[in-house]
Amino acid sequence: MAEVETGIMGAESVEDATPLSLDMLDGARAIAKEMFGDPTKSRRVHYLHDKGGTPIVKMGGRLMARRSVLRKWWEMKEAEALGTIPEET
């Protein structure tokens, strides 16, 4: 059985599972497309990164994020706004 590790914000990774590259969003336009459905909203991504508190990181001058971690972060923000606790998946 593969070993399960819990990482940032509770995201789980399993050895020999889907490659990280399939979960990775490379650049503000890719992140904007995932978050807002529109890659032209990349300025909003830069604003969120500069403000802090998001799982968006800068690597080599490019903004990067993992889809799975970004989704968990978004669910946590929704739960805070609604005053609810998200269900465990």
C-alpha atoms as a PDB file:
ATOM      1  CA  MET A   1       0.000   0.000   0.000  1.00  0.00           C
ATOM      2  CA  ALA A   2       1.304   3.480  -0.876  1.00  0.00           C
ATOM      3  CA  GLU A   3       2.213   5.827   1.941  1.00  0.00           C
ATOM      4  CA  VAL A   4      -0.065   8.879   2.284  1.00  0.00           C
ATOM      5  CA  GLU A   5       1.386  12.178   3.424  1.00  0.00           C
ATOM      6  CA  THR A   6      -0.562  15.269   4.426  1.00  0.00           C
ATOM      7  CA  GLY A   7       0.926  18.473   3.067  1.00  0.00           C
ATOM      8  CA  ILE A   8       0.026  22.135   2.938  1.00  0.00           C
ATOM      9  CA  MET A   9      -3.601  22.868   3.826  1.00  0.00           C
ATOM     10  CA  GLY A  10      -4.379  19.176   4.272  1.00  0.00           C
ATOM     11  CA  ALA A  11      -3.782  18.204   0.647  1.00  0.00           C
ATOM     12  CA  GLU A  12      -2.819  14.549   0.436  1.00  0.00           C
ATOM     13  CA  SER A  13      -0.243  13.097  -1.897  1.00  0.00           C
ATOM     14  CA  VAL A  14       0.202   9.411  -2.592  1.00  0.00           C
ATOM     15  CA  GLU A  15       3.473   7.944  -3.774  1.00  0.00           C
ATOM     16  CA  ASP A  16       3.331   6.871  -7.429  1.00  0.00           C
ATOM     17  CA  ALA A  17       0.052   8.762  -7.946  1.00  0.00           C
ATOM     18  CA  THR A  18      -0.739  11.374 -10.587  1.00  0.00           C
ATOM     19  CA  PRO A  19       2.333  13.421 -11.525  1.00  0.00           C
ATOM     20  CA  LEU A  20       2.653  16.822  -9.870  1.00  0.00           C
ATOM     21  CA  SER A  21       2.819  18.382 -13.339  1.00  0.00           C
ATOM     22  CA  LEU A  22      -0.861  17.526 -13.914  1.00  0.00           C
ATOM     23  CA  ASP A  23      -1.832  19.366 -10.706  1.00  0.00           C
ATOM     24  CA  MET A  24       0.426  22.391 -11.302  1.00  0.00           C
ATOM     25  CA  LEU A  25      -0.767  25.732 -12.644  1.00  0.00           C
ATOM     26  CA  ASP A  26       2.130  27.629 -14.221  1.00  0.00           C
ATOM     27  CA  GLY A  27       1.701  31.386 -14.501  1.00  0.00           C
ATOM     28  CA  ALA A  28      -0.888  33.969 -13.547  1.00  0.00           C
ATOM     29  CA  ARG A  29      -2.951  33.351 -16.696  1.00  0.00           C
ATOM     30  CA  ALA A  30      -3.291  29.623 -15.929  1.00  0.00           C
ATOM     31  CA  ILE A  31      -4.246  30.376 -12.325  1.00  0.00           C
ATOM     32  CA  ALA A  32      -6.759  33.026 -13.474  1.00  0.00           C
ATOM     33  CA  LYS A  33      -8.342  30.570 -15.893  1.00  0.00           C
ATOM     34  CA  GLU A  34      -8.708  28.006 -13.075  1.00  0.00           C
ATOM     35  CA  MET A  35     -10.035  30.495 -10.503  1.00  0.00           C
ATOM     36  CA  PHE A  36     -12.135  32.837 -12.609  1.00  0.00           C
ATOM     37  CA  GLY A  37     -12.641  30.966 -15.879  1.00  0.00           C
ATOM     38  CA  ASP A  38     -10.843  33.770 -17.710  1.00  0.00           C
ATOM     39  CA  PRO A  39      -7.070  33.969 -18.304  1.00  0.00           C
ATOM     40  CA  THR A  40      -7.302  37.741 -18.862  1.00  0.00           C
ATOM     41  CA  LYS A  41      -8.015  38.143 -15.120  1.00  0.00           C
ATOM     42  CA  SER A  42      -4.324  37.530 -14.352  1.00  0.00           C
ATOM     43  CA  ARG A  43      -3.992  40.934 -12.652  1.00  0.00           C
ATOM     44  CA  ARG A  44      -6.399  39.673  -9.961  1.00  0.00           C
ATOM     45  CA  VAL A  45      -4.078  36.718  -9.384  1.00  0.00           C
ATOM     46  CA  HIS A  46      -1.113  39.076  -8.933  1.00  0.00           C
ATOM     47  CA  TYR A  47      -3.171  41.151  -6.488  1.00  0.00           C
ATOM     48  CA  LEU A  48      -4.133  38.066  -4.447  1.00  0.00           C
ATOM     49  CA  HIS A  49      -0.507  36.916  -4.360  1.00  0.00           C
ATOM     50  CA  ASP A  50       0.772  40.353  -3.332  1.00  0.00           C
ATOM     51  CA  LYS A  51      -1.901  40.593  -0.621  1.00  0.00           C
ATOM     52  CA  GLY A  52      -0.734  37.266   0.839  1.00  0.00           C
ATOM     53  CA  GLY A  53      -2.596  34.418   2.455  1.00  0.00           C
ATOM     54  CA  THR A  54      -3.125  32.455  -0.759  1.00  0.00           C
ATOM     55  CA  PRO A  55      -1.489  29.194  -1.847  1.00  0.00           C
ATOM     56  CA  ILE A  56       0.028  31.041  -4.823  1.00  0.00           C
ATOM     57  CA  VAL A  57       3.823  31.119  -4.783  1.00  0.00           C
ATOM     58  CA  LYS A  58       6.468  32.791  -6.890  1.00  0.00           C
ATOM     59  CA  MET A  59       9.129  30.536  -8.372  1.00  0.00           C
ATOM     60  CA  GLY A  60      11.740  31.924 -10.706  1.00  0.00           C
ATOM     61  CA  GLY A  61       9.683  35.050 -11.297  1.00  0.00           C
ATOM     62  CA  ARG A  62       6.523  33.080 -12.227  1.00  0.00           C
ATOM     63  CA  LEU A  63       3.424  32.600 -10.126  1.00  0.00           C
ATOM     64  CA  MET A  64       2.621  28.942  -9.476  1.00  0.00           C
ATOM     65  CA  ALA A  65      -0.147  27.074  -7.693  1.00  0.00           C
ATOM     66  CA  ARG A  66      -1.448  23.525  -7.361  1.00  0.00           C
ATOM     67  CA  ARG A  67      -5.049  22.980  -8.469  1.00  0.00           C
ATOM     68  CA  SER A  68      -5.803  20.705  -5.503  1.00  0.00           C
ATOM     69  CA  VAL A  69      -4.403  23.112  -2.898  1.00  0.00           C
ATOM     70  CA  LEU A  70      -6.048  26.125  -4.552  1.00  0.00           C
ATOM     71  CA  ARG A  71      -9.410  24.322  -4.496  1.00  0.00           C
ATOM     72  CA  LYS A  72      -9.022  23.458  -0.775  1.00  0.00           C
ATOM     73  CA  TRP A  73      -8.088  27.088  -0.032  1.00  0.00           C
ATOM     74  CA  TRP A  74     -11.151  28.326  -1.943  1.00  0.00           C
ATOM     75  CA  GLU A  75     -13.401  25.913  -0.034  1.00  0.00           C
ATOM     76  CA  MET A  76     -11.966  27.178   3.265  1.00  0.00           C
ATOM     77  CA  LYS A  77     -12.617  30.810   2.232  1.00  0.00           C
ATOM     78  CA  GLU A  78     -16.210  29.958   1.304  1.00  0.00           C
ATOM     79  CA  ALA A  79     -16.710  28.200   4.644  1.00  0.00           C
ATOM     80  CA  GLU A  80     -15.354  31.242   6.497  1.00  0.00           C
ATOM     81  CA  ALA A  81     -17.704  33.545   4.591  1.00  0.00           C
ATOM     82  CA  LEU A  82     -20.701  31.304   5.233  1.00  0.00           C
ATOM     83  CA  GLY A  83     -19.736  30.500   8.818  1.00  0.00           C
ATOM     84  CA  THR A  84     -19.657  26.761   8.102  1.00  0.00           C
ATOM     85  CA  ILE A  85     -17.031  24.066   8.238  1.00  0.00           C
ATOM     86  CA  PRO A  86     -16.335  22.202   4.965  1.00  0.00           C
ATOM     87  CA  GLU A  87     -16.933  18.459   4.913  1.00  0.00           C
ATOM     88  CA  GLU A  88     -13.944  16.121   4.918  1.00  0.00           C
ATOM     89  CA  THR A  89     -13.335  14.508   1.532  1.00  0.00           C
END
